[in-house]
Protein backbone atom coordinates (compact mmCIF):
# COMPACT_ATOMS: atom_id res chain seq x y z
CA UNK A 1 -0.06 -0.10 -0.20
CA UNK A 2 1.45 3.63 -0.54
CA UNK A 3 2.19 5.43 1.73
CA UNK A 4 0.93 8.75 1.24
CA UNK A 5 2.38 12.16 2.50
CA UNK A 6 -1.20 13.74 1.92
CA UNK A 7 -4.45 12.07 1.61
CA UNK A 8 -8.17 12.22 1.60
CA UNK A 9 -10.54 10.10 1.90
CA UNK A 10 -14.42 9.96 1.00
CA UNK A 11 -14.61 13.57 1.22
CA UNK A 12 -17.64 15.35 1.31
CA UNK A 13 -17.85 19.27 1.24
CA UNK A 14 -19.10 22.13 -0.59
CA UNK A 15 -20.70 25.54 0.22
CA UNK A 16 -23.54 26.72 2.26
CA UNK A 17 -26.27 24.11 1.66
CA UNK A 18 -24.62 23.00 -1.72
CA UNK A 19 -22.64 19.74 -1.48
CA UNK A 20 -20.07 19.92 -4.40
CA UNK A 21 -18.04 17.05 -3.73
CA UNK A 22 -19.81 13.66 -2.62
CA UNK A 23 -17.27 11.27 -1.07
CA UNK A 24 -13.72 11.79 -2.95
CA UNK A 25 -10.56 10.13 -2.47
CA UNK A 26 -7.06 10.03 -3.17
CA UNK A 27 -3.40 10.81 -2.12
CA UNK A 28 0.19 11.52 -3.19
CA UNK A 29 3.35 10.15 -1.80
CA UNK A 30 6.77 12.12 -1.32
CA UNK A 31 8.63 12.47 -4.71
CA UNK A 32 5.15 11.64 -6.80
CA UNK A 33 2.77 13.49 -8.66
CA UNK A 34 -1.05 13.29 -8.41
CA UNK A 35 -2.80 14.91 -11.56
CA UNK A 36 -6.46 15.58 -10.45
CA UNK A 37 -8.75 16.60 -13.79
CA UNK A 38 -11.89 17.11 -15.44
CA UNK A 39 -14.04 19.13 -17.46
CA UNK A 40 -15.08 23.09 -15.88
CA UNK A 41 -17.28 22.84 -12.78
CA UNK A 42 -16.69 19.29 -11.53
CA UNK A 43 -15.33 19.85 -8.09
CA UNK A 44 -11.42 20.62 -8.96
CA UNK A 45 -10.97 23.90 -7.16
CA UNK A 46 -13.30 22.68 -4.52
CA UNK A 47 -10.96 19.78 -3.91
CA UNK A 48 -7.88 22.29 -3.67
CA UNK A 49 -9.53 24.59 -1.28
CA UNK A 50 -10.64 21.51 1.13
CA UNK A 51 -7.47 20.44 1.11
CA UNK A 52 -5.89 23.46 2.59
CA UNK A 53 -8.34 24.49 4.79
CA UNK A 54 -10.44 27.33 2.88
CA UNK A 55 -13.64 25.36 3.11
CA UNK A 56 -14.56 22.87 5.68
CA UNK A 57 -14.93 18.81 5.35
CA UNK A 58 -18.51 17.82 6.31
CA UNK A 59 -17.27 14.20 6.25
CA UNK A 60 -14.65 11.94 5.14
CA UNK A 61 -11.00 12.64 6.39
CA UNK A 62 -7.71 14.49 5.38
CA UNK A 63 -4.41 13.67 6.73
CA UNK A 64 -0.62 14.82 6.33
CA UNK A 65 2.07 12.24 6.94
CA UNK A 66 -0.70 10.09 8.49
CA UNK A 67 -2.10 12.77 11.00
CA UNK A 68 -5.82 14.05 10.51
CA UNK A 69 -5.53 17.61 9.54
CA UNK A 70 -8.98 18.10 8.54
CA UNK A 71 -9.87 20.17 11.64
CA UNK A 72 -6.93 22.17 11.19
CA UNK A 73 -7.06 25.94 10.04
CA UNK A 74 -5.37 26.96 6.75
CA UNK A 75 -2.24 28.68 8.21
CA UNK A 76 -1.36 25.95 10.42
CA UNK A 77 -1.73 23.74 7.16
CA UNK A 78 0.68 25.60 5.58
CA UNK A 79 3.12 25.49 8.63
CA UNK A 80 2.69 21.77 8.42
CA UNK A 81 3.86 21.76 5.13
CA UNK A 82 1.31 22.25 2.25
CA UNK A 83 1.75 24.90 -0.40
CA UNK A 84 -1.05 26.46 -2.56
CA UNK A 85 -1.14 28.22 -5.74
CA UNK A 86 -4.92 29.09 -6.56
CA UNK A 87 -6.56 29.34 -9.73
CA UNK A 88 -7.53 32.82 -9.20
CA UNK A 89 -6.39 36.00 -6.87
CA UNK A 90 -2.94 34.05 -7.04
CA UNK A 91 -0.84 37.27 -6.39
CA UNK A 92 -1.18 40.86 -4.61
CA UNK A 93 -2.29 43.30 -7.21
CA UNK A 94 -1.31 46.33 -5.25
CA UNK A 95 2.05 45.07 -4.38
CA UNK A 96 5.55 45.09 -6.73
CA UNK A 97 6.74 41.65 -8.06
CA UNK A 98 9.66 42.08 -5.55
CA UNK A 99 7.11 42.34 -2.56
CA UNK A 100 4.94 39.29 -3.72
CA UNK A 101 8.00 37.20 -4.13
CA UNK A 102 9.21 38.27 -0.63
CA UNK A 103 5.87 36.74 0.89
CA UNK A 104 7.15 33.17 0.26
CA UNK A 105 10.13 33.86 3.39
CA UNK A 106 11.94 31.39 0.72
CA UNK A 107 15.68 30.30 2.02
CA UNK A 108 16.35 29.28 -1.29
CA UNK A 109 18.07 31.66 -4.02
CA UNK A 110 15.40 33.18 -6.78
CA UNK A 111 18.29 33.24 -9.51
CA UNK A 112 17.53 29.88 -11.26
CA UNK A 113 13.87 31.21 -11.55
CA UNK A 114 14.84 34.86 -12.88
CA UNK A 115 17.30 32.65 -15.37
CA UNK A 116 13.69 30.49 -16.30
CA UNK A 117 11.55 32.99 -16.35
CA UNK A 118 13.63 36.34 -17.05
CA UNK A 119 10.62 39.17 -17.26
CA UNK A 120 9.72 38.44 -13.35
CA UNK A 121 13.74 39.86 -12.90
CA UNK A 122 12.87 42.93 -15.68
CA UNK A 123 9.64 43.61 -13.70
CA UNK A 124 10.74 43.29 -9.93
CA UNK A 125 9.58 46.88 -9.38
CA UNK A 126 6.60 46.64 -11.51
CA UNK A 127 3.05 46.52 -9.45
CA UNK A 128 1.49 42.99 -9.81
CA UNK A 129 -1.79 44.45 -10.98
CA UNK A 130 -0.29 45.89 -14.41
CA UNK A 131 1.02 42.70 -15.29
CA UNK A 132 -0.72 40.31 -17.91
CA UNK A 133 -2.90 37.34 -17.19
CA UNK A 134 -0.18 34.78 -17.81
CA UNK A 135 2.56 36.88 -16.16
CA UNK A 136 0.63 37.26 -12.71
CA UNK A 137 0.51 33.13 -12.89
CA UNK A 138 3.74 32.68 -13.57
CA UNK A 139 4.44 35.40 -10.59
CA UNK A 140 2.33 33.20 -8.56
CA UNK A 141 3.82 29.97 -9.62
CA UNK A 142 7.27 31.07 -8.54
CA UNK A 143 6.49 32.42 -4.98
CA UNK A 144 4.61 29.01 -4.59
CA UNK A 145 7.63 27.29 -6.13
CA UNK A 146 10.06 29.23 -3.28
CA UNK A 147 7.94 27.87 -0.17
CA UNK A 148 9.67 25.75 2.07
CA UNK A 149 6.97 22.86 1.85
CA UNK A 150 6.41 18.99 1.41
CA UNK A 151 3.68 19.11 -0.96
CA UNK A 152 2.06 21.71 -3.11
CA UNK A 153 -1.30 21.86 -4.67
CA UNK A 154 -0.94 23.86 -8.21
CA UNK A 155 -4.92 24.88 -9.55
CA UNK A 156 -4.85 25.37 -12.98
CA UNK A 157 -1.05 26.40 -13.25
CA UNK A 158 -1.17 26.55 -16.76
CA UNK A 159 -4.27 28.67 -17.62
CA UNK A 160 -3.59 31.41 -19.71
CA UNK A 161 0.46 30.87 -19.72
CA UNK A 162 2.61 30.97 -23.18
CA UNK A 163 3.56 27.37 -24.28
CA UNK A 164 7.01 27.84 -23.66
CA UNK A 165 6.64 29.06 -20.18
CA UNK A 166 4.43 25.61 -19.44
CA UNK A 167 7.30 23.84 -20.51
CA UNK A 168 9.22 26.03 -18.16
CA UNK A 169 7.12 25.62 -15.41
CA UNK A 170 6.88 21.67 -16.05
CA UNK A 171 10.93 21.45 -15.93
CA UNK A 172 10.93 23.55 -12.25
CA UNK A 173 7.98 20.79 -11.14
CA UNK A 174 10.40 17.97 -11.96
CA UNK A 175 13.52 19.23 -10.61
CA UNK A 176 11.68 19.83 -7.33
CA UNK A 177 10.10 16.32 -7.10
CA UNK A 178 13.27 14.89 -7.72
CA UNK A 179 14.12 16.18 -4.33
CA UNK A 180 11.41 14.06 -2.66
CA UNK A 181 8.56 17.03 -3.15
CA UNK A 182 5.07 15.85 -3.83
CA UNK A 183 2.36 17.88 -6.09
CA UNK A 184 -1.04 17.69 -6.62
CA UNK A 185 -1.69 19.10 -10.03
CA UNK A 186 -5.17 20.07 -10.92
CA UNK A 187 -5.55 20.64 -14.86
CA UNK A 188 -7.10 20.36 -17.58
CA UNK A 189 -4.07 20.60 -19.88
CA UNK A 190 -3.79 17.07 -20.94
CA UNK A 191 -0.18 17.93 -22.45
CA UNK A 192 1.20 18.83 -19.06
CA UNK A 193 -0.91 16.11 -17.09
CA UNK A 194 0.59 13.37 -19.08
CA UNK A 195 4.05 14.94 -18.91
CA UNK A 196 3.85 14.99 -14.99
CA UNK A 197 1.52 13.19 -13.10
CA UNK A 198 2.45 9.57 -12.05
CA UNK A 199 -1.54 8.67 -11.02
CA UNK A 200 -4.27 10.09 -11.84
CA UNK A 201 -7.98 11.04 -10.17
CA UNK A 202 -10.63 12.15 -12.97
CA UNK A 203 -13.90 14.17 -11.39
CA UNK A 204 -17.46 14.26 -12.73
CA UNK A 205 -20.21 16.13 -10.71
CA UNK A 206 -18.19 16.14 -7.81
CA UNK A 207 -17.74 12.19 -7.48
CA UNK A 208 -14.11 10.76 -8.37
CA UNK A 209 -14.99 8.58 -11.59
CA UNK A 210 -11.50 7.70 -12.74
CA UNK A 211 -8.34 6.49 -10.89
CA UNK A 212 -5.36 5.04 -12.30
CA UNK A 213 -1.60 5.10 -12.56
CA UNK A 214 -0.02 6.65 -15.52
CA UNK A 215 1.31 2.95 -16.50
CA UNK A 216 -2.34 1.62 -16.80
CA UNK A 217 -4.00 4.28 -18.92
CA UNK A 218 -3.51 6.62 -22.00
CA UNK A 219 -4.27 10.12 -23.37
CA UNK A 220 -7.85 8.67 -24.78
CA UNK A 221 -8.60 7.56 -21.32
CA UNK A 222 -8.36 10.83 -20.12
CA UNK A 223 -9.84 12.36 -22.87
CA UNK A 224 -12.85 10.04 -22.14
CA UNK A 225 -13.29 11.83 -18.47
CA UNK A 226 -13.06 15.25 -19.92
CA UNK A 227 -15.44 14.89 -22.42
CA UNK A 228 -18.25 13.49 -20.55
């Protein structure tokens, strides 16, 4: 049985009286990448938010390093090792690029990321809100990657990003994965999913309808879930 770093078991949650996830399960081990996919509105972002503590679990459980965290508040989950790049609201528009990056409290060097994404280095004193959507995504991605965490949840990181920078993102993720970091990659971009994910969970109408190892499926299998 896989020794998951972060796991979620039969999670039910939603917003107010509206239940969005109806018993979703999955997990990711250290040095592995779980790809979560599905069409718009099936509950992918809701899963991300419940894992980081932004919305409560109604029933089911979430564990980090084998210990329950479903009652742990968001900032405490971050301190315990969960990083998060949200799909929207990913940067502080009224802060500069430099100030946004400083929020990660990183001890590692920024230089490798500046070499990969040179536009960031050129715009350190520019307000994040004046950047394009794709540039803000990259800024959020780099800030999240700098955080000292064990597992990172990336919600639609490729959305609005130019193809060459998606490849650069993939290279950054692989490099950190090789150091033992775990990722939950929430994506609709099949090329990115297939390039990175070791295992998959497919969602439809708030339920897990597909679960497989990379070796057990192909692109057509994933496309069936996206075209339901």
